[in-house]
Amino acid sequence: MLLQLKALRFLFEAREAIHFPVGKSANILRGAFGTIFRTLACVPECESAATCDIRSTCPYAQMFEPTGPAPSGLSDWPRPFVFRASHLDGTTIPAGGSFHFDLNLFDLKSPAEKYLALAFAQLAHKGLGPGRSKVELVGVESNAIRCPLSFGAGNVTKLSLLFLTPTELKSNSRIADKPEFEVLAARVRDRISALCELYGDGAPKMDYKAFAERAALVRMTRCEVQQVSVARRSSRTGQVHSIGGFIGEAEYEGSLGEFVPWLHAARWTGVGRQTVWGKGVIEVRMLQPSHP
């Protein structure tokens, strides 16, 4: 079982000072990027990716509006990429300063990758951020990442998870107020499995029910998370949407070894809702077990 992706880093130089509002860096990039990507990738006569006759081969549709039949029954597919730009939140880059952001791409078979540098170069020319500041794309770095899922991490009985960006986990059709391990593991499993199934070499071969039963035996022994409120306004519809969630740290004890590779992989994919905007970034820290 293997999750594969390409980690792309886009390097910029600011021609004018540019400010990134708190909690909205990835949203700024995602909105402008989608608009420009469509102008580059779509045929002029296309009115909607949903009704386009060539959507199955259209890079824009594959990146931003992927859909279709899947063995798992998914009709609204997860997007094959996520932004990583939270390090820019609340920062102001002076004219002449350098900055970067990352994009993790999960669909390695799509022709969309060749459009990415073109889209960001044009985005830089048109201006970026609330003031449409001029920036220049000066380089792109690319790394192939392979995350094995089938090998555990030995006798791990205690670990900590850092929730670095706002995270929302759904449980029984509602948003959970804290990251109980059973819920977290299920969301990590489902997201990574869907990405592997739809964009990789197939869904992991495993007993999903047994995985969930073992996850339910893990105890959360400490939880220090807090809710943060962030909203985004859609440039297309004008509607305001929440992109908040909880951040902080939680500790878990139990038989954790088999879950560690999945949690490390989730660092690249994100977990929970709205991961495309950079939500749900987690980091694993191993801890020494408690002794009576």
Protein backbone atom coordinates (compact mmCIF):
# COMPACT_ATOMS: atom_id res chain seq x y z
CA MET A 1 0.00 0.00 0.00
CA LEU A 2 1.49 3.28 -1.11
CA LEU A 3 0.49 6.93 -1.40
CA GLN A 4 2.44 8.78 -4.09
CA LEU A 5 2.49 12.48 -4.77
CA LYS A 6 4.60 15.27 -6.14
CA ALA A 7 5.53 18.09 -3.76
CA LEU A 8 5.92 21.32 -5.74
CA ARG A 9 7.39 24.53 -4.37
CA PHE A 10 6.84 27.81 -6.22
CA LEU A 11 9.45 30.49 -5.54
CA PHE A 12 8.59 34.18 -5.95
CA GLU A 13 10.20 37.58 -5.64
CA ALA A 14 8.01 40.54 -4.67
CA ARG A 15 8.24 43.50 -7.06
CA GLU A 16 5.93 45.42 -4.73
CA ALA A 17 5.21 44.90 -1.04
CA ILE A 18 2.58 42.21 -0.56
CA HIS A 19 0.53 41.37 2.52
CA PHE A 20 -1.11 38.02 3.30
CA PRO A 21 -4.04 38.29 5.76
CA VAL A 22 -4.15 35.89 8.69
CA GLY A 23 -5.73 32.57 7.75
CA LYS A 24 -6.30 33.49 4.11
CA SER A 25 -3.03 32.90 2.28
CA ALA A 26 -4.08 29.61 0.69
CA ASN A 27 -7.51 31.00 -0.17
CA ILE A 28 -5.95 33.95 -2.01
CA LEU A 29 -3.80 31.58 -4.03
CA ARG A 30 -6.54 29.03 -4.67
CA GLY A 31 -9.07 31.56 -5.98
CA ALA A 32 -6.75 33.43 -8.32
CA PHE A 33 -5.04 30.25 -9.45
CA GLY A 34 -8.33 28.58 -10.44
CA THR A 35 -9.45 31.53 -12.55
CA ILE A 36 -6.19 31.76 -14.48
CA PHE A 37 -5.80 27.99 -14.83
CA ARG A 38 -9.18 27.85 -16.53
CA THR A 39 -8.26 30.52 -19.08
CA LEU A 40 -5.12 28.56 -19.96
CA ALA A 41 -6.55 25.04 -20.05
CA CYS A 42 -10.15 25.40 -21.28
CA VAL A 43 -11.31 25.82 -24.85
CA PRO A 44 -12.85 29.26 -25.51
CA GLU A 45 -16.35 27.90 -26.17
CA CYS A 46 -16.54 26.08 -22.82
CA GLU A 47 -19.34 27.48 -20.65
CA SER A 48 -19.08 25.04 -17.76
CA ALA A 49 -16.75 22.19 -16.84
CA ALA A 50 -19.80 20.27 -15.61
CA THR A 51 -21.30 20.11 -19.12
CA CYS A 52 -18.12 20.15 -21.20
CA ASP A 53 -17.92 17.39 -23.81
CA ILE A 54 -14.17 16.96 -23.27
CA ARG A 55 -14.13 17.20 -19.47
CA SER A 56 -12.55 13.74 -19.20
CA THR A 57 -9.36 15.10 -20.80
CA CYS A 58 -9.59 18.74 -19.68
CA PRO A 59 -6.80 19.64 -17.20
CA TYR A 60 -8.99 22.28 -15.52
CA ALA A 61 -11.89 19.87 -14.96
CA GLN A 62 -9.54 17.20 -13.67
CA MET A 63 -7.93 19.63 -11.21
CA PHE A 64 -10.88 21.70 -10.00
CA GLU A 65 -14.09 19.82 -10.76
CA PRO A 66 -13.18 16.11 -10.85
CA THR A 67 -16.15 13.80 -10.96
CA GLY A 68 -17.26 10.49 -12.37
CA PRO A 69 -18.02 6.92 -11.38
CA ALA A 70 -15.70 5.22 -8.91
CA PRO A 71 -15.74 1.76 -7.32
CA SER A 72 -16.24 3.33 -3.90
CA GLY A 73 -19.38 5.13 -5.07
CA LEU A 74 -17.86 8.61 -4.88
CA SER A 75 -19.40 11.06 -7.34
CA ASP A 76 -17.84 14.27 -5.96
CA TRP A 77 -14.16 13.41 -5.98
CA PRO A 78 -11.62 15.04 -3.68
CA ARG A 79 -9.44 17.56 -5.52
CA PRO A 80 -6.09 16.07 -6.56
CA PHE A 81 -4.06 18.82 -4.87
CA VAL A 82 -3.69 20.85 -1.68
CA PHE A 83 -2.05 24.21 -1.02
CA ARG A 84 0.47 24.78 1.73
CA ALA A 85 0.77 28.49 2.49
CA SER A 86 0.01 28.93 6.20
CA HIS A 87 3.58 30.12 6.83
CA LEU A 88 2.62 33.30 4.93
CA ASP A 89 -0.38 34.11 7.14
CA GLY A 90 -0.11 37.59 8.61
CA THR A 91 3.18 38.37 6.88
CA THR A 92 4.14 41.32 4.71
CA ILE A 93 6.82 40.68 2.10
CA PRO A 94 8.70 43.89 1.20
CA ALA A 95 9.55 44.83 -2.35
CA GLY A 96 12.57 42.75 -3.35
CA GLY A 97 11.80 40.09 -0.74
CA SER A 98 11.42 36.40 -1.49
CA PHE A 99 8.65 34.00 -0.54
CA HIS A 100 7.29 30.63 -1.53
CA PHE A 101 4.29 28.37 -1.22
CA ASP A 102 3.81 24.66 -1.80
CA LEU A 103 1.32 22.58 -3.75
CA ASN A 104 1.04 18.81 -3.23
CA LEU A 105 -0.20 17.08 -6.38
CA PHE A 106 -1.73 13.60 -6.08
CA ASP A 107 -2.71 12.91 -9.70
CA LEU A 108 0.61 12.02 -11.28
CA LYS A 109 -1.02 10.86 -14.52
CA SER A 110 -2.75 14.14 -15.33
CA PRO A 111 -1.35 16.61 -17.89
CA ALA A 112 -2.29 19.39 -15.47
CA GLU A 113 1.22 19.71 -14.04
CA LYS A 114 2.60 21.40 -17.14
CA TYR A 115 0.00 24.14 -16.77
CA LEU A 116 0.90 24.92 -13.16
CA ALA A 117 4.03 26.99 -13.77
CA LEU A 118 2.28 28.82 -16.62
CA ALA A 119 -0.69 29.62 -14.41
CA PHE A 120 1.44 30.90 -11.53
CA ALA A 121 3.65 32.93 -13.85
CA GLN A 122 0.57 34.64 -15.25
CA LEU A 123 -0.91 35.03 -11.78
CA ALA A 124 2.28 36.78 -10.70
CA HIS A 125 2.06 39.13 -13.66
CA LYS A 126 -1.57 40.05 -12.94
CA GLY A 127 -0.84 40.70 -9.27
CA LEU A 128 -1.35 38.77 -6.07
CA GLY A 129 -3.02 39.48 -2.75
CA PRO A 130 -5.67 42.04 -1.71
CA GLY A 131 -3.75 44.89 -3.38
CA ARG A 132 -2.85 42.94 -6.54
CA SER A 133 0.84 43.41 -5.79
CA LYS A 134 3.24 42.56 -8.59
CA VAL A 135 5.42 39.51 -7.98
CA GLU A 136 7.63 37.36 -10.17
CA LEU A 137 7.83 33.57 -10.36
CA VAL A 138 11.56 32.83 -10.20
CA GLY A 139 11.63 29.05 -9.85
CA VAL A 140 9.80 25.77 -9.27
CA GLU A 141 11.13 22.88 -7.20
CA SER A 142 9.69 19.38 -7.50
CA ASN A 143 10.11 16.31 -5.29
CA ALA A 144 8.53 12.88 -5.68
CA ILE A 145 7.14 11.59 -2.37
CA ARG A 146 6.32 7.96 -1.56
CA CYS A 147 4.46 7.16 1.66
CA PRO A 148 4.24 3.42 2.47
CA LEU A 149 1.04 2.59 4.37
CA SER A 150 1.38 -1.13 4.95
CA PHE A 151 4.25 -1.20 7.44
CA GLY A 152 3.70 -0.17 11.03
CA ALA A 153 6.12 1.72 13.24
CA GLY A 154 6.75 -1.05 15.75
CA ASN A 155 5.61 -0.92 19.34
CA VAL A 156 4.37 2.67 19.49
CA THR A 157 2.09 3.16 22.48
CA LYS A 158 2.03 6.95 22.87
CA LEU A 159 2.14 9.87 20.46
CA SER A 160 1.12 13.47 20.06
CA LEU A 161 -0.58 15.10 17.10
CA LEU A 162 -0.18 18.78 16.33
CA PHE A 163 -3.06 20.33 14.40
CA LEU A 164 -1.15 23.09 12.65
CA THR A 165 -3.94 24.58 10.56
CA PRO A 166 -7.71 24.75 11.23
CA THR A 167 -9.16 21.24 11.18
CA GLU A 168 -12.77 20.06 10.91
CA LEU A 169 -13.64 16.38 11.33
CA LYS A 170 -17.12 15.10 10.56
CA SER A 171 -18.62 12.42 12.77
CA ASN A 172 -22.19 11.16 12.41
CA SER A 173 -23.10 14.08 10.11
CA ARG A 174 -21.84 16.72 12.53
CA ILE A 175 -18.56 18.53 13.12
CA ALA A 176 -16.61 17.05 16.02
CA ASP A 177 -15.44 19.52 18.65
CA LYS A 178 -12.29 17.52 19.46
CA PRO A 179 -10.15 14.93 17.64
CA GLU A 180 -11.12 11.61 19.21
CA PHE A 181 -8.76 9.04 17.69
CA GLU A 182 -11.50 6.81 16.29
CA VAL A 183 -12.93 9.72 14.27
CA LEU A 184 -9.52 11.05 13.23
CA ALA A 185 -8.25 7.66 12.05
CA ALA A 186 -11.42 7.07 10.02
CA ARG A 187 -11.12 10.40 8.25
CA VAL A 188 -7.40 9.86 7.55
CA ARG A 189 -8.12 6.35 6.23
CA ASP A 190 -10.99 7.49 4.00
CA ARG A 191 -9.17 10.47 2.51
CA ILE A 192 -5.95 8.64 1.72
CA SER A 193 -7.83 5.62 0.37
CA ALA A 194 -9.89 7.85 -1.93
CA LEU A 195 -6.80 9.62 -3.28
CA CYS A 196 -5.07 6.29 -3.92
CA GLU A 197 -8.16 4.85 -5.59
CA LEU A 198 -8.94 7.82 -7.82
CA TYR A 199 -5.47 9.11 -8.69
CA GLY A 200 -3.03 6.37 -7.78
CA ASP A 201 -2.67 2.64 -8.26
CA GLY A 202 -5.85 1.66 -6.44
CA ALA A 203 -7.36 1.70 -2.97
CA PRO A 204 -5.32 0.05 -0.22
CA LYS A 205 -6.14 -3.64 0.30
CA MET A 206 -7.17 -3.79 3.93
CA ASP A 207 -9.95 -4.64 6.36
CA TYR A 208 -11.54 -1.23 6.89
CA LYS A 209 -13.86 -2.39 9.64
CA ALA A 210 -11.08 -4.03 11.64
CA PHE A 211 -8.94 -0.89 11.21
CA ALA A 212 -11.77 1.17 12.73
CA GLU A 213 -12.28 -1.28 15.59
CA ARG A 214 -8.60 -1.10 16.54
CA ALA A 215 -8.63 2.69 16.29
CA ALA A 216 -11.56 2.79 18.73
CA LEU A 217 -9.33 1.20 21.38
CA VAL A 218 -6.88 4.13 21.33
CA ARG A 219 -7.48 6.66 24.13
CA MET A 220 -7.06 10.40 23.91
CA THR A 221 -5.23 11.29 27.14
CA ARG A 222 -4.75 15.02 26.63
CA CYS A 223 -6.51 17.53 24.39
CA GLU A 224 -5.52 21.17 24.13
CA VAL A 225 -7.25 22.52 21.05
CA GLN A 226 -9.00 25.79 20.40
CA GLN A 227 -11.40 26.94 17.73
CA VAL A 228 -10.33 29.61 15.26
CA SER A 229 -12.75 31.51 13.05
CA VAL A 230 -11.74 32.33 9.48
CA ALA A 231 -14.08 33.11 6.58
CA ARG A 232 -13.63 33.32 2.83
CA ARG A 233 -15.74 35.09 0.23
CA SER A 234 -16.26 33.33 -3.08
CA SER A 235 -15.28 35.60 -5.97
CA ARG A 236 -17.65 33.62 -8.20
CA THR A 237 -20.83 33.66 -6.06
CA GLY A 238 -20.09 36.34 -3.47
CA GLN A 239 -21.08 33.95 -0.69
CA VAL A 240 -19.13 33.82 2.57
CA HIS A 241 -17.92 30.41 3.77
CA SER A 242 -16.19 29.38 6.98
CA ILE A 243 -12.69 27.94 6.63
CA GLY A 244 -12.06 27.78 10.37
CA GLY A 245 -11.67 24.83 12.70
CA PHE A 246 -9.60 23.76 15.68
CA ILE A 247 -5.83 23.98 16.11
CA GLY A 248 -3.65 22.74 18.94
CA GLU A 249 -2.36 19.41 20.24
CA ALA A 250 -3.72 16.09 21.42
CA GLU A 251 -2.03 13.04 22.93
CA TYR A 252 -3.06 9.42 22.45
CA GLU A 253 -2.18 6.10 24.09
CA GLY A 254 -2.78 2.57 22.89
CA SER A 255 -1.54 0.23 20.18
CA LEU A 256 -0.59 2.93 17.66
CA GLY A 257 2.10 1.37 15.47
CA GLU A 258 -0.10 0.50 12.48
CA PHE A 259 -1.60 4.00 12.40
CA VAL A 260 1.69 5.91 12.35
CA PRO A 261 2.35 5.55 8.57
CA TRP A 262 -1.17 6.79 7.84
CA LEU A 263 -0.72 9.78 10.13
CA HIS A 264 2.61 10.66 8.49
CA ALA A 265 0.96 10.40 5.06
CA ALA A 266 -1.83 12.70 6.26
CA ARG A 267 0.79 15.41 6.75
CA TRP A 268 0.88 15.60 2.93
CA THR A 269 -2.83 15.14 2.23
CA GLY A 270 -4.44 16.98 5.13
CA VAL A 271 -7.40 15.51 6.97
CA GLY A 272 -11.01 16.60 7.34
CA ARG A 273 -12.98 19.21 5.43
CA GLN A 274 -11.67 21.77 2.92
CA THR A 275 -8.15 20.40 2.76
CA VAL A 276 -7.59 22.01 -0.64
CA TRP A 277 -7.30 25.36 1.18
CA GLY A 278 -4.58 24.00 3.42
CA LYS A 279 -6.81 22.96 6.31
CA GLY A 280 -6.16 19.83 8.37
CA VAL A 281 -2.35 19.87 8.36
CA ILE A 282 -1.08 17.57 11.13
CA GLU A 283 2.31 16.61 12.49
CA VAL A 284 3.17 13.46 14.44
CA ARG A 285 5.43 13.46 17.48
CA MET A 286 6.47 10.22 19.15
CA LEU A 287 6.33 10.21 22.95
CA GLN A 288 7.75 7.95 25.62
CA PRO A 289 5.08 5.76 27.24
CA SER A 290 3.91 6.65 30.71
CA HIS A 291 5.04 4.41 33.58
CA PRO A 292 3.11 3.91 36.83
